[in-house]
Protein backbone atom coordinates (compact mmCIF):
# COMPACT_ATOMS: atom_id res chain seq x y z
CA MET A 1 41.73 -43.32 17.55
CA ALA A 2 40.48 -40.96 14.92
CA VAL A 3 38.16 -38.05 15.89
CA SER A 4 35.11 -37.50 13.57
CA LYS A 5 34.54 -34.00 12.86
CA LYS A 6 30.91 -32.50 12.45
CA ILE A 7 30.57 -29.36 10.15
CA THR A 8 27.48 -27.01 10.92
CA ILE A 9 26.89 -23.92 8.69
CA HIS A 10 25.29 -20.97 10.47
CA PRO A 11 22.30 -19.87 8.25
CA SER A 12 22.97 -16.18 7.98
CA SER A 13 26.69 -15.74 7.84
CA GLY A 14 27.28 -18.95 5.83
CA ASP A 15 30.51 -19.51 8.49
CA LYS A 16 31.39 -23.17 8.78
CA LYS A 17 31.97 -24.24 12.37
CA VAL A 18 33.90 -27.64 12.93
CA ILE A 19 32.84 -29.47 15.75
CA ALA A 20 35.11 -32.57 17.14
CA THR A 21 33.30 -35.23 18.71
CA PRO A 22 35.03 -38.34 19.95
CA ALA A 23 34.37 -41.55 17.89
CA LYS A 24 36.05 -44.08 15.74
CA VAL A 25 34.92 -42.82 12.74
CA ASP A 26 37.11 -41.55 9.76
CA LYS A 27 34.21 -39.65 7.80
CA VAL A 28 33.44 -36.13 7.61
CA GLU A 29 29.53 -35.20 7.71
CA GLU A 30 28.30 -32.14 6.28
CA VAL A 31 25.02 -30.70 7.84
CA GLU A 32 22.71 -29.14 4.78
CA GLU A 33 22.25 -25.59 4.88
CA THR A 34 18.98 -24.53 6.34
CA PRO A 35 16.89 -21.80 4.36
CA GLN A 36 17.98 -18.34 4.93
CA ILE A 37 15.89 -16.78 7.69
CA ASN A 38 15.94 -13.00 8.36
CA GLU A 39 16.88 -12.86 11.83
CA LYS A 40 15.25 -9.41 12.54
CA LEU A 41 11.75 -10.27 11.48
CA GLY A 42 11.85 -14.12 11.87
CA GLU A 43 10.68 -14.51 8.20
CA LYS A 44 11.87 -17.04 5.79
CA LYS A 45 13.10 -16.09 2.24
CA ARG A 46 10.39 -15.39 -0.33
CA VAL A 47 9.87 -17.55 -3.31
CA CYS A 48 9.17 -15.85 -6.76
CA PHE A 49 5.27 -16.55 -7.47
CA PHE A 50 6.05 -17.13 -11.11
CA CYS A 51 9.21 -19.40 -10.96
CA GLN A 52 7.02 -21.41 -8.45
CA ASN A 53 4.04 -21.87 -10.81
CA LYS A 54 6.07 -21.87 -13.82
CA LYS A 55 4.37 -19.13 -15.75
CA ASP A 56 5.46 -15.71 -17.20
CA PRO A 57 3.67 -12.24 -16.88
CA THR A 58 1.95 -10.91 -19.68
CA TYR A 59 0.40 -7.62 -20.47
CA THR A 60 -2.92 -9.50 -20.90
CA ASP A 61 -3.54 -10.60 -17.46
CA LEU A 62 -4.48 -7.51 -15.78
CA ALA A 63 -5.56 -9.35 -12.74
CA THR A 64 -2.08 -10.45 -11.83
CA LEU A 65 -0.51 -7.07 -13.01
CA LYS A 66 -2.86 -5.20 -10.73
CA ARG A 67 -1.37 -6.93 -7.85
CA TYR A 68 1.96 -5.36 -8.46
CA VAL A 69 0.51 -1.91 -8.71
CA ASN A 70 -0.17 -0.04 -5.40
CA ASP A 71 -3.19 2.50 -5.24
CA ARG A 72 -1.11 5.52 -6.37
CA GLY A 73 -0.50 3.61 -9.70
CA LYS A 74 3.26 2.91 -8.83
CA ILE A 75 4.82 -0.24 -9.73
CA ILE A 76 5.69 -1.94 -6.36
CA PRO A 77 9.55 -2.73 -5.87
CA ARG A 78 10.89 -6.43 -5.75
CA MET A 79 11.95 -6.14 -2.17
CA LYS A 80 8.33 -6.06 -1.33
CA THR A 81 6.85 -8.36 -3.89
CA GLY A 82 9.39 -11.06 -3.19
CA ILE A 83 9.75 -11.61 -7.20
CA CYS A 84 12.93 -12.50 -9.00
CA SER A 85 14.66 -9.99 -10.95
CA LYS A 86 13.99 -11.45 -14.17
CA HIS A 87 10.06 -11.67 -13.56
CA GLN A 88 10.26 -8.16 -12.07
CA ARG A 89 11.42 -6.63 -15.30
CA ALA A 90 8.95 -8.55 -17.30
CA ILE A 91 5.96 -7.30 -14.71
CA THR A 92 7.44 -3.77 -15.43
CA ARG A 93 7.58 -4.14 -19.16
CA GLY A 94 3.88 -5.84 -18.88
CA ILE A 95 2.54 -2.99 -16.71
CA LYS A 96 3.93 -0.28 -19.01
CA TYR A 97 2.80 -1.79 -22.15
CA ALA A 98 -0.52 -2.15 -20.73
CA ARG A 99 -0.73 1.46 -19.49
CA HIS A 100 0.37 2.25 -23.19
CA LEU A 101 -2.74 0.44 -24.54
CA ALA A 102 -5.07 1.67 -21.82
CA LEU A 103 -5.59 -1.35 -20.37
CA LEU A 104 -4.38 -0.12 -16.95
CA PRO A 105 -4.60 3.67 -15.77
CA PHE A 106 -1.35 5.96 -15.56
CA THR A 107 -3.13 7.54 -12.51
CA PRO A 108 -5.80 6.27 -9.88
CA LYS A 109 -9.36 7.63 -10.38
CA VAL A 110 -10.13 10.64 -7.89
């Protein structure tokens, strides 16, 4: 009589736990990994807006660029926006280029 094993993966640590269950099955089943959840805040991992919509940020799209600049004129960091590093760099380049062309202000109006 063989014992089947069920492998579960804890979402936050990635540790594999083996649970033995009495059965006549010789296969090992792997449970799919659940999306990572921030246990402190209870939030799901964010997905990049640009990867999701399959488009790239440009300096001419001012409405999109303004979403990533706060009221003081600073570029919002990646941890707060949830954008991947590739698109965060493109957003930063686009904002700086738009500022240079006077499409976006360097500082807010008083």
